[in-house]
C-alpha atoms as a PDB file:
ATOM      1  CA  MET A   1     -24.908   9.348   9.907  1.00  0.00           C
ATOM      2  CA  ALA A   2     -22.411  11.237  12.277  1.00  0.00           C
ATOM      3  CA  THR A   3     -18.862  12.320  11.529  1.00  0.00           C
ATOM      4  CA  ALA A   4     -16.305  12.216  14.606  1.00  0.00           C
ATOM      5  CA  PHE A   5     -14.330  15.011  15.393  1.00  0.00           C
ATOM      6  CA  ILE A   6     -11.321  13.625  17.740  1.00  0.00           C
ATOM      7  CA  THR A   7      -8.738  15.586  19.605  1.00  0.00           C
ATOM      8  CA  HIS A   8      -7.314  16.058  22.986  1.00  0.00           C
ATOM      9  CA  ARG A   9      -5.919  18.750  25.096  1.00  0.00           C
ATOM     10  CA  ASP A  10      -2.650  16.836  25.360  1.00  0.00           C
ATOM     11  CA  CYS A  11      -1.906  17.419  21.810  1.00  0.00           C
ATOM     12  CA  TRP A  12      -1.543  21.182  22.706  1.00  0.00           C
ATOM     13  CA  LEU A  13       1.233  20.327  24.980  1.00  0.00           C
ATOM     14  CA  HIS A  14       3.838  19.319  22.095  1.00  0.00           C
ATOM     15  CA  ASP A  15       6.151  22.245  21.911  1.00  0.00           C
ATOM     16  CA  MET A  16       8.893  22.280  19.336  1.00  0.00           C
ATOM     17  CA  GLY A  17      10.138  25.954  20.407  1.00  0.00           C
ATOM     18  CA  ALA A  18       9.027  29.570  19.601  1.00  0.00           C
ATOM     19  CA  HIS A  19       8.414  30.240  16.201  1.00  0.00           C
ATOM     20  CA  HIS A  20       8.324  26.568  14.923  1.00  0.00           C
ATOM     21  CA  PRO A  21       5.515  26.429  12.449  1.00  0.00           C
ATOM     22  CA  GLU A  22       4.316  23.239  13.785  1.00  0.00           C
ATOM     23  CA  CYS A  23       2.851  24.921  16.879  1.00  0.00           C
ATOM     24  CA  PRO A  24      -0.157  24.381  19.049  1.00  0.00           C
ATOM     25  CA  GLU A  25      -1.989  27.279  17.635  1.00  0.00           C
ATOM     26  CA  ARG A  26      -2.716  25.057  14.761  1.00  0.00           C
ATOM     27  CA  LEU A  27      -5.310  22.969  16.610  1.00  0.00           C
ATOM     28  CA  SER A  28      -6.845  26.355  18.074  1.00  0.00           C
ATOM     29  CA  ALA A  29      -7.274  27.715  14.428  1.00  0.00           C
ATOM     30  CA  ILE A  30      -9.114  24.451  13.685  1.00  0.00           C
ATOM     31  CA  SER A  31     -11.372  24.488  16.699  1.00  0.00           C
ATOM     32  CA  ASP A  32     -12.128  28.211  16.677  1.00  0.00           C
ATOM     33  CA  ARG A  33     -13.103  28.358  12.849  1.00  0.00           C
ATOM     34  CA  LEU A  34     -15.398  25.064  13.276  1.00  0.00           C
ATOM     35  CA  ILE A  35     -17.497  26.916  16.300  1.00  0.00           C
ATOM     36  CA  ALA A  36     -17.520  30.269  14.281  1.00  0.00           C
ATOM     37  CA  ALA A  37     -18.949  28.216  11.164  1.00  0.00           C
ATOM     38  CA  GLY A  38     -21.569  26.467  13.553  1.00  0.00           C
ATOM     39  CA  LEU A  39     -20.202  23.282  12.528  1.00  0.00           C
ATOM     40  CA  ASP A  40     -19.727  22.079  16.085  1.00  0.00           C
ATOM     41  CA  MET A  41     -23.264  21.169  17.119  1.00  0.00           C
ATOM     42  CA  TYR A  42     -23.389  18.797  13.966  1.00  0.00           C
ATOM     43  CA  LEU A  43     -20.294  16.585  14.790  1.00  0.00           C
ATOM     44  CA  SER A  44     -19.732  13.834  17.439  1.00  0.00           C
ATOM     45  CA  PHE A  45     -16.880  14.817  19.374  1.00  0.00           C
ATOM     46  CA  TYR A  46     -14.575  12.528  21.182  1.00  0.00           C
ATOM     47  CA  ASP A  47     -11.380  12.279  23.209  1.00  0.00           C
ATOM     48  CA  ALA A  48      -8.293  10.519  21.532  1.00  0.00           C
ATOM     49  CA  PRO A  49      -7.133   7.885  23.635  1.00  0.00           C
ATOM     50  CA  LEU A  50      -3.613   6.747  24.414  1.00  0.00           C
ATOM     51  CA  ALA A  51      -2.333   4.227  21.633  1.00  0.00           C
ATOM     52  CA  THR A  52      -0.781   1.192  23.347  1.00  0.00           C
ATOM     53  CA  LEU A  53       2.827   0.362  22.561  1.00  0.00           C
ATOM     54  CA  GLU A  54       1.693  -2.987  20.750  1.00  0.00           C
ATOM     55  CA  GLN A  55      -0.603  -0.892  18.492  1.00  0.00           C
ATOM     56  CA  ILE A  56       2.261   1.463  17.554  1.00  0.00           C
ATOM     57  CA  ALA A  57       4.524  -1.708  16.963  1.00  0.00           C
ATOM     58  CA  ARG A  58       2.638  -2.931  14.196  1.00  0.00           C
ATOM     59  CA  VAL A  59       4.366  -0.033  12.132  1.00  0.00           C
ATOM     60  CA  HIS A  60       7.335   0.924  14.268  1.00  0.00           C
ATOM     61  CA  PRO A  61       9.865  -1.492  15.708  1.00  0.00           C
ATOM     62  CA  PRO A  62       9.656  -1.696  19.569  1.00  0.00           C
ATOM     63  CA  GLU A  63      13.313  -0.458  19.718  1.00  0.00           C
ATOM     64  CA  TYR A  64      12.326   2.354  17.813  1.00  0.00           C
ATOM     65  CA  VAL A  65       9.344   3.210  20.058  1.00  0.00           C
ATOM     66  CA  ARG A  66      11.486   2.915  23.087  1.00  0.00           C
ATOM     67  CA  GLY A  67      14.291   5.356  21.793  1.00  0.00           C
ATOM     68  CA  ILE A  68      11.293   7.649  21.206  1.00  0.00           C
ATOM     69  CA  ALA A  69      10.166   7.361  25.100  1.00  0.00           C
ATOM     70  CA  GLU A  70      13.718   7.953  26.258  1.00  0.00           C
ATOM     71  CA  SER A  71      14.371  10.735  24.082  1.00  0.00           C
ATOM     72  CA  ALA A  72      11.458  12.647  26.042  1.00  0.00           C
ATOM     73  CA  PRO A  73      12.933  15.412  28.033  1.00  0.00           C
ATOM     74  CA  GLN A  74      11.536  16.115  31.586  1.00  0.00           C
ATOM     75  CA  ASN A  75      12.000  20.098  31.000  1.00  0.00           C
ATOM     76  CA  GLY A  76      13.233  22.148  27.940  1.00  0.00           C
ATOM     77  CA  ILE A  77      13.373  20.774  24.226  1.00  0.00           C
ATOM     78  CA  VAL A  78      15.461  18.113  22.634  1.00  0.00           C
ATOM     79  CA  HIS A  79      16.035  17.944  18.917  1.00  0.00           C
ATOM     80  CA  LEU A  80      15.863  14.709  17.391  1.00  0.00           C
ATOM     81  CA  ASP A  81      17.011  16.762  13.608  1.00  0.00           C
ATOM     82  CA  PRO A  82      17.124  20.113  13.118  1.00  0.00           C
ATOM     83  CA  ASP A  83      13.326  20.148  12.302  1.00  0.00           C
ATOM     84  CA  THR A  84      11.946  17.693  14.928  1.00  0.00           C
ATOM     85  CA  ALA A  85      12.165  18.348  18.318  1.00  0.00           C
ATOM     86  CA  MET A  86      10.622  17.011  21.795  1.00  0.00           C
ATOM     87  CA  SER A  87       9.271  18.773  24.759  1.00  0.00           C
ATOM     88  CA  ALA A  88       7.964  17.331  28.003  1.00  0.00           C
ATOM     89  CA  GLY A  89       4.608  17.069  26.786  1.00  0.00           C
ATOM     90  CA  THR A  90       5.536  15.343  23.209  1.00  0.00           C
ATOM     91  CA  TRP A  91       5.480  11.701  24.136  1.00  0.00           C
ATOM     92  CA  GLN A  92       1.822  12.068  25.645  1.00  0.00           C
ATOM     93  CA  ALA A  93       0.785  14.067  22.484  1.00  0.00           C
ATOM     94  CA  ALA A  94       2.460  11.316  20.176  1.00  0.00           C
ATOM     95  CA  LEU A  95       0.384   8.708  21.923  1.00  0.00           C
ATOM     96  CA  ARG A  96      -2.687  10.681  21.556  1.00  0.00           C
ATOM     97  CA  SER A  97      -2.322  11.483  18.174  1.00  0.00           C
ATOM     98  CA  ALA A  98      -1.797   7.577  17.137  1.00  0.00           C
ATOM     99  CA  GLY A  99      -4.752   6.871  19.491  1.00  0.00           C
ATOM    100  CA  ALA A 100      -6.890   9.349  17.614  1.00  0.00           C
ATOM    101  CA  GLY A 101      -6.587   7.262  14.308  1.00  0.00           C
ATOM    102  CA  ILE A 102      -7.461   3.819  16.323  1.00  0.00           C
ATOM    103  CA  LEU A 103     -10.732   5.230  18.011  1.00  0.00           C
ATOM    104  CA  ALA A 104     -11.100   6.715  14.392  1.00  0.00           C
ATOM    105  CA  THR A 105     -10.889   3.539  12.746  1.00  0.00           C
ATOM    106  CA  ASP A 106     -12.803   1.741  15.586  1.00  0.00           C
ATOM    107  CA  LEU A 107     -15.686   4.294  15.382  1.00  0.00           C
ATOM    108  CA  VAL A 108     -16.152   3.776  11.346  1.00  0.00           C
ATOM    109  CA  MET A 109     -15.680   0.132  11.376  1.00  0.00           C
ATOM    110  CA  SER A 110     -18.388  -0.459  14.018  1.00  0.00           C
ATOM    111  CA  GLY A 111     -20.762   1.877  12.089  1.00  0.00           C
ATOM    112  CA  GLU A 112     -21.128   4.363  14.893  1.00  0.00           C
ATOM    113  CA  VAL A 113     -19.833   7.072  12.511  1.00  0.00           C
ATOM    114  CA  GLU A 114     -19.887   7.084   8.723  1.00  0.00           C
ATOM    115  CA  ASN A 115     -16.256   9.163   8.886  1.00  0.00           C
ATOM    116  CA  ALA A 116     -13.928  10.886  11.368  1.00  0.00           C
ATOM    117  CA  PHE A 117     -11.312  13.719  11.366  1.00  0.00           C
ATOM    118  CA  CYS A 118      -8.490  13.739  13.861  1.00  0.00           C
ATOM    119  CA  SER A 119      -7.346  16.926  14.483  1.00  0.00           C
ATOM    120  CA  VAL A 120      -3.978  16.260  16.398  1.00  0.00           C
ATOM    121  CA  ARG A 121      -0.596  17.032  16.377  1.00  0.00           C
ATOM    122  CA  PRO A 122       2.356  16.165  16.066  1.00  0.00           C
ATOM    123  CA  PRO A 123       1.635  14.764  12.649  1.00  0.00           C
ATOM    124  CA  GLY A 124       2.664  11.479  11.169  1.00  0.00           C
ATOM    125  CA  HIS A 125       3.373  11.125   7.604  1.00  0.00           C
ATOM    126  CA  HIS A 126       7.264  11.590   7.414  1.00  0.00           C
ATOM    127  CA  ALA A 127       7.853   9.050  10.105  1.00  0.00           C
ATOM    128  CA  GLU A 128       9.257   6.179   8.507  1.00  0.00           C
ATOM    129  CA  ARG A 129       9.247   2.600  10.216  1.00  0.00           C
ATOM    130  CA  ALA A 130      12.649   3.353  12.239  1.00  0.00           C
ATOM    131  CA  LYS A 131      13.142   7.087  11.859  1.00  0.00           C
ATOM    132  CA  ALA A 132      11.757  10.460  13.110  1.00  0.00           C
ATOM    133  CA  MET A 133      11.867  13.386  10.854  1.00  0.00           C
ATOM    134  CA  GLY A 134       9.861  15.964   9.325  1.00  0.00           C
ATOM    135  CA  PHE A 135       7.788  17.234  12.495  1.00  0.00           C
ATOM    136  CA  CYS A 136       6.850  13.428  12.685  1.00  0.00           C
ATOM    137  CA  PHE A 137       7.412  10.880  15.350  1.00  0.00           C
ATOM    138  CA  PHE A 138       4.925   7.999  14.969  1.00  0.00           C
ATOM    139  CA  ASN A 139       3.316   7.441  11.300  1.00  0.00           C
ATOM    140  CA  ASN A 140      -0.540   8.315  12.758  1.00  0.00           C
ATOM    141  CA  ILE A 141      -2.165   7.240   9.530  1.00  0.00           C
ATOM    142  CA  ALA A 142      -0.089   3.971   9.058  1.00  0.00           C
ATOM    143  CA  ILE A 143      -0.994   2.715  12.182  1.00  0.00           C
ATOM    144  CA  ALA A 144      -4.626   3.500  11.977  1.00  0.00           C
ATOM    145  CA  ALA A 145      -4.509   1.747   8.282  1.00  0.00           C
ATOM    146  CA  THR A 146      -2.522  -1.203   9.871  1.00  0.00           C
ATOM    147  CA  HIS A 147      -5.299  -1.464  12.519  1.00  0.00           C
ATOM    148  CA  ALA A 148      -7.836  -1.824  10.124  1.00  0.00           C
ATOM    149  CA  LEU A 149      -6.265  -4.549   8.584  1.00  0.00           C
ATOM    150  CA  GLU A 150      -4.759  -6.211  11.735  1.00  0.00           C
ATOM    151  CA  ALA A 151      -7.647  -5.789  14.364  1.00  0.00           C
ATOM    152  CA  HIS A 152     -10.732  -5.388  11.831  1.00  0.00           C
ATOM    153  CA  GLY A 153      -9.474  -7.840   9.119  1.00  0.00           C
ATOM    154  CA  LEU A 154      -9.696  -5.588   6.236  1.00  0.00           C
ATOM    155  CA  GLU A 155      -8.031  -6.790   3.074  1.00  0.00           C
ATOM    156  CA  ARG A 156      -7.598  -3.804   1.278  1.00  0.00           C
ATOM    157  CA  VAL A 157      -7.340  -0.101   2.361  1.00  0.00           C
ATOM    158  CA  ALA A 158      -6.128   2.975   0.628  1.00  0.00           C
ATOM    159  CA  VAL A 159      -4.366   5.843   2.028  1.00  0.00           C
ATOM    160  CA  VAL A 160      -4.622   9.396   0.310  1.00  0.00           C
ATOM    161  CA  ASP A 161      -2.150  11.981   0.821  1.00  0.00           C
ATOM    162  CA  PHE A 162      -2.647  15.579  -0.498  1.00  0.00           C
ATOM    163  CA  ASP A 163      -0.027  17.273   1.735  1.00  0.00           C
ATOM    164  CA  VAL A 164       2.338  19.591   0.031  1.00  0.00           C
ATOM    165  CA  HIS A 165       5.080  17.108   1.136  1.00  0.00           C
ATOM    166  CA  HIS A 166       5.548  13.599  -0.127  1.00  0.00           C
ATOM    167  CA  GLY A 167       4.600  11.115   2.564  1.00  0.00           C
ATOM    168  CA  ASN A 168       7.893   9.448   2.600  1.00  0.00           C
ATOM    169  CA  GLY A 169       7.280   7.499   5.629  1.00  0.00           C
ATOM    170  CA  THR A 170       3.961   6.030   4.808  1.00  0.00           C
ATOM    171  CA  GLU A 171       5.526   5.045   1.483  1.00  0.00           C
ATOM    172  CA  ASP A 172       8.703   3.639   3.579  1.00  0.00           C
ATOM    173  CA  ILE A 173       5.912   1.263   5.684  1.00  0.00           C
ATOM    174  CA  PHE A 174       3.532   0.198   2.899  1.00  0.00           C
ATOM    175  CA  ALA A 175       5.583  -0.063  -0.059  1.00  0.00           C
ATOM    176  CA  ASN A 176       4.882  -3.463  -1.781  1.00  0.00           C
ATOM    177  CA  ASP A 177       2.384  -4.122   0.546  1.00  0.00           C
ATOM    178  CA  PRO A 178      -0.593  -5.540  -1.530  1.00  0.00           C
ATOM    179  CA  ARG A 179      -3.164  -4.581   1.000  1.00  0.00           C
ATOM    180  CA  VAL A 180      -2.456  -0.989   0.622  1.00  0.00           C
ATOM    181  CA  LEU A 181      -2.795   1.357  -2.180  1.00  0.00           C
ATOM    182  CA  MET A 182      -1.229   4.857  -1.512  1.00  0.00           C
ATOM    183  CA  VAL A 183      -2.283   7.677  -3.829  1.00  0.00           C
ATOM    184  CA  SER A 184      -0.620  11.227  -3.411  1.00  0.00           C
ATOM    185  CA  THR A 185       0.313  14.564  -4.736  1.00  0.00           C
ATOM    186  CA  PHE A 186       3.482  16.588  -3.570  1.00  0.00           C
ATOM    187  CA  GLN A 187       5.549  19.455  -4.765  1.00  0.00           C
ATOM    188  CA  HIS A 188       8.678  18.562  -6.296  1.00  0.00           C
ATOM    189  CA  PRO A 189      11.517  19.032  -5.877  1.00  0.00           C
ATOM    190  CA  PHE A 190      10.902  19.839  -2.426  1.00  0.00           C
ATOM    191  CA  TYR A 191      11.231  18.300   1.255  1.00  0.00           C
ATOM    192  CA  PRO A 192      11.886  15.496   1.893  1.00  0.00           C
ATOM    193  CA  TYR A 193      13.091  14.882  -1.980  1.00  0.00           C
ATOM    194  CA  SER A 194      11.451  11.644  -2.297  1.00  0.00           C
ATOM    195  CA  GLY A 195       8.699  10.004  -4.323  1.00  0.00           C
ATOM    196  CA  THR A 196       9.775   9.844  -7.684  1.00  0.00           C
ATOM    197  CA  GLU A 197      12.649   7.383  -7.789  1.00  0.00           C
ATOM    198  CA  ALA A 198      11.099   4.146  -8.664  1.00  0.00           C
ATOM    199  CA  PRO A 199       8.317   3.825  -6.632  1.00  0.00           C
ATOM    200  CA  ALA A 200       6.644   0.520  -5.472  1.00  0.00           C
ATOM    201  CA  GLY A 201       3.918  -0.840  -7.746  1.00  0.00           C
ATOM    202  CA  ASN A 202       1.325   0.066  -5.045  1.00  0.00           C
ATOM    203  CA  MET A 203       2.497   3.500  -5.139  1.00  0.00           C
ATOM    204  CA  VAL A 204       0.641   6.327  -7.365  1.00  0.00           C
ATOM    205  CA  ASN A 205       2.592   9.411  -6.883  1.00  0.00           C
ATOM    206  CA  VAL A 206       1.904  12.440  -8.770  1.00  0.00           C
ATOM    207  CA  PRO A 207       4.878  14.812  -8.209  1.00  0.00           C
ATOM    208  CA  VAL A 208       3.834  18.489  -9.380  1.00  0.00           C
ATOM    209  CA  PRO A 209       5.537  21.624  -9.853  1.00  0.00           C
ATOM    210  CA  ALA A 210       6.005  24.646  -7.856  1.00  0.00           C
ATOM    211  CA  GLY A 211       3.006  27.095  -9.058  1.00  0.00           C
ATOM    212  CA  THR A 212       0.567  24.401  -9.490  1.00  0.00           C
ATOM    213  CA  ARG A 213      -2.826  25.622  -8.721  1.00  0.00           C
ATOM    214  CA  SER A 214      -6.489  23.934  -8.930  1.00  0.00           C
ATOM    215  CA  ASP A 215      -6.480  22.705 -12.512  1.00  0.00           C
ATOM    216  CA  GLY A 216      -3.226  20.776 -12.004  1.00  0.00           C
ATOM    217  CA  PHE A 217      -4.047  19.246  -8.811  1.00  0.00           C
ATOM    218  CA  ARG A 218      -7.645  18.452  -9.912  1.00  0.00           C
ATOM    219  CA  ALA A 219      -6.205  16.666 -13.540  1.00  0.00           C
ATOM    220  CA  ALA A 220      -3.800  14.674 -11.392  1.00  0.00           C
ATOM    221  CA  VAL A 221      -6.665  13.603  -9.044  1.00  0.00           C
ATOM    222  CA  GLU A 222      -8.779  12.782 -11.931  1.00  0.00           C
ATOM    223  CA  SER A 223      -6.144  11.073 -14.079  1.00  0.00           C
ATOM    224  CA  ALA A 224      -4.176   8.971 -11.670  1.00  0.00           C
ATOM    225  CA  TRP A 225      -5.963   8.807  -8.470  1.00  0.00           C
ATOM    226  CA  LEU A 226      -9.531   7.926  -9.088  1.00  0.00           C
ATOM    227  CA  PRO A 227      -8.847   5.295 -11.771  1.00  0.00           C
ATOM    228  CA  ALA A 228      -6.064   3.572  -9.391  1.00  0.00           C
ATOM    229  CA  LEU A 229      -8.690   3.995  -6.407  1.00  0.00           C
ATOM    230  CA  ARG A 230     -11.700   2.382  -8.386  1.00  0.00           C
ATOM    231  CA  ARG A 231      -9.570  -0.589  -9.527  1.00  0.00           C
ATOM    232  CA  PHE A 232      -8.545  -1.194  -6.247  1.00  0.00           C
ATOM    233  CA  ALA A 233     -11.868  -0.790  -4.258  1.00  0.00           C
ATOM    234  CA  PRO A 234     -10.705   0.050  -0.972  1.00  0.00           C
ATOM    235  CA  GLU A 235     -12.643  -1.289   2.106  1.00  0.00           C
ATOM    236  CA  ALA A 236     -11.769   1.816   4.118  1.00  0.00           C
ATOM    237  CA  ILE A 237      -9.922   5.277   2.982  1.00  0.00           C
ATOM    238  CA  PHE A 238      -7.348   7.041   5.223  1.00  0.00           C
ATOM    239  CA  ILE A 239      -6.720  10.487   4.209  1.00  0.00           C
ATOM    240  CA  SER A 240      -3.147  12.483   5.588  1.00  0.00           C
ATOM    241  CA  ALA A 241      -5.189  15.808   5.463  1.00  0.00           C
ATOM    242  CA  GLY A 242      -2.252  18.369   5.095  1.00  0.00           C
ATOM    243  CA  PHE A 243      -3.260  21.652   4.003  1.00  0.00           C
ATOM    244  CA  ASP A 244      -0.193  23.218   3.268  1.00  0.00           C
ATOM    245  CA  ALA A 245      -0.527  23.074  -0.451  1.00  0.00           C
ATOM    246  CA  HIS A 246      -2.806  26.251   0.264  1.00  0.00           C
ATOM    247  CA  TYR A 247      -1.820  29.429  -1.694  1.00  0.00           C
ATOM    248  CA  GLU A 248      -1.528  31.234   1.672  1.00  0.00           C
ATOM    249  CA  ASP A 249       0.722  28.798   3.190  1.00  0.00           C
ATOM    250  CA  ASP A 250       4.279  30.111   2.589  1.00  0.00           C
ATOM    251  CA  MET A 251       5.904  26.711   3.653  1.00  0.00           C
ATOM    252  CA  ALA A 252       5.537  25.939   0.264  1.00  0.00           C
ATOM    253  CA  SER A 253       4.852  27.244  -3.325  1.00  0.00           C
ATOM    254  CA  LEU A 254       1.510  25.507  -4.653  1.00  0.00           C
ATOM    255  CA  GLY A 255      -1.923  27.317  -5.086  1.00  0.00           C
ATOM    256  CA  LEU A 256      -4.709  25.472  -3.596  1.00  0.00           C
ATOM    257  CA  VAL A 257      -7.832  27.058  -2.331  1.00  0.00           C
ATOM    258  CA  GLU A 258     -10.843  25.963  -0.056  1.00  0.00           C
ATOM    259  CA  SER A 259     -12.836  24.509  -3.017  1.00  0.00           C
ATOM    260  CA  ASP A 260     -10.033  22.506  -3.811  1.00  0.00           C
ATOM    261  CA  TYR A 261     -10.368  20.563  -0.825  1.00  0.00           C
ATOM    262  CA  ALA A 262     -14.002  20.614  -0.992  1.00  0.00           C
ATOM    263  CA  TRP A 263     -13.763  18.943  -4.301  1.00  0.00           C
ATOM    264  CA  VAL A 264     -11.201  16.440  -3.347  1.00  0.00           C
ATOM    265  CA  THR A 265     -13.093  15.200  -0.589  1.00  0.00           C
ATOM    266  CA  GLN A 266     -16.304  14.835  -2.752  1.00  0.00           C
ATOM    267  CA  GLN A 267     -14.250  12.533  -5.055  1.00  0.00           C
ATOM    268  CA  LEU A 268     -13.083  10.377  -2.104  1.00  0.00           C
ATOM    269  CA  LYS A 269     -16.488  10.243  -0.549  1.00  0.00           C
ATOM    270  CA  ALA A 270     -17.954   8.850  -3.991  1.00  0.00           C
ATOM    271  CA  VAL A 271     -15.033   6.171  -4.092  1.00  0.00           C
ATOM    272  CA  ALA A 272     -16.002   5.300  -0.486  1.00  0.00           C
ATOM    273  CA  ALA A 273     -19.648   5.143  -1.080  1.00  0.00           C
ATOM    274  CA  ASP A 274     -18.870   2.671  -3.873  1.00  0.00           C
ATOM    275  CA  SER A 275     -16.561   0.170  -1.962  1.00  0.00           C
ATOM    276  CA  ALA A 276     -15.970   1.037   1.673  1.00  0.00           C
ATOM    277  CA  GLN A 277     -19.376   1.690   3.108  1.00  0.00           C
ATOM    278  CA  GLY A 278     -18.617   5.139   3.122  1.00  0.00           C
ATOM    279  CA  ARG A 279     -15.886   4.788   5.782  1.00  0.00           C
ATOM    280  CA  ILE A 280     -13.083   7.396   5.679  1.00  0.00           C
ATOM    281  CA  VAL A 281     -10.487   8.247   8.566  1.00  0.00           C
ATOM    282  CA  SER A 282      -8.863  11.744   7.972  1.00  0.00           C
ATOM    283  CA  MET A 283      -5.862  12.922  10.058  1.00  0.00           C
ATOM    284  CA  LEU A 284      -4.052  16.147  10.316  1.00  0.00           C
ATOM    285  CA  GLU A 285      -1.190  16.253   8.691  1.00  0.00           C
ATOM    286  CA  GLY A 286       0.570  19.857   7.442  1.00  0.00           C
ATOM    287  CA  GLY A 287      -1.016  23.188   7.183  1.00  0.00           C
ATOM    288  CA  TYR A 288       0.778  26.292   8.794  1.00  0.00           C
ATOM    289  CA  ALA A 289      -0.962  29.557   7.498  1.00  0.00           C
ATOM    290  CA  LEU A 290      -3.340  29.527  10.566  1.00  0.00           C
ATOM    291  CA  SER A 291      -6.492  31.528   9.104  1.00  0.00           C
ATOM    292  CA  ALA A 292      -6.181  29.049   5.713  1.00  0.00           C
ATOM    293  CA  LEU A 293      -5.851  26.142   8.023  1.00  0.00           C
ATOM    294  CA  GLY A 294      -9.018  26.630   9.862  1.00  0.00           C
ATOM    295  CA  ARG A 295     -10.956  27.420   6.888  1.00  0.00           C
ATOM    296  CA  SER A 296      -9.710  24.500   4.640  1.00  0.00           C
ATOM    297  CA  VAL A 297     -10.176  21.924   7.574  1.00  0.00           C
ATOM    298  CA  THR A 298     -13.695  23.428   8.001  1.00  0.00           C
ATOM    299  CA  THR A 299     -14.450  22.839   4.467  1.00  0.00           C
ATOM    300  CA  HIS A 300     -13.035  19.105   4.477  1.00  0.00           C
ATOM    301  CA  ILE A 301     -15.223  18.665   7.400  1.00  0.00           C
ATOM    302  CA  LYS A 302     -18.227  20.013   5.964  1.00  0.00           C
ATOM    303  CA  VAL A 303     -18.141  17.832   3.020  1.00  0.00           C
ATOM    304  CA  LEU A 304     -17.263  14.637   5.080  1.00  0.00           C
ATOM    305  CA  ALA A 305     -20.536  15.639   7.145  1.00  0.00           C
ATOM    306  CA  ASP A 306     -22.646  16.206   4.211  1.00  0.00           C
ATOM    307  CA  LEU A 307     -23.361  19.817   5.549  1.00  0.00           C
END
């Protein structure tokens, strides 16, 4: 069964200023590497739709959504915090990014594809229920997972986050929701300095120290993530796919390589095959070393597509 690749040109139009690491070139690096690897002919390509305000409001209060819309400038750049800024293209890009997860969920739930990767920006996992931060405005993965629960009637979904930063926004949204299990690894202590203080019972947070490499990451997955996922038996898996734990990425200090992303994707595919009819929606989060990002995403997609 096919793997979907979902993106939209509007996602290139979000611009937080010269030299900002969360730049449009991230998406170009992914697309260029896919083509160079010859994967494009094996994927099903889709344009991300615009998420509706109703879909976003399942996760974010309407007044917060209105505030983001009203903050968007006609030109120039407006900062919501020192790291997170809006340009004239940000609002459309944010709606497309959230819409990509909605479409991906619809595709895997209908059986049109087995799994999907959303190559979108701005990312989402730092966006809390009513707070934009960490380059994020809307929590794309939470919107997608909630769509599976609310629109498709699933009873249990898992969110998996292997970004180098803790997905504080996703935890804020789903803490104590019995329908959702979230498992994550993240460098600690490190931005956003969360995820270690009495996490909710449905959170499996594994902080790892700077310098952690493949063996430490894989041990965390095998000892903490996989037993919890198998007990929970999710009916779909949603991946916050951040690739900034790569050793080439100087935004952080972990030491993962492409083979680690291949391995963890294989583990998640096995869980999905057991309880979720193979259904996986993966959405781009971090990853700022452009060559490493392109290689890592390509490796991730190759495993999703059984190539």
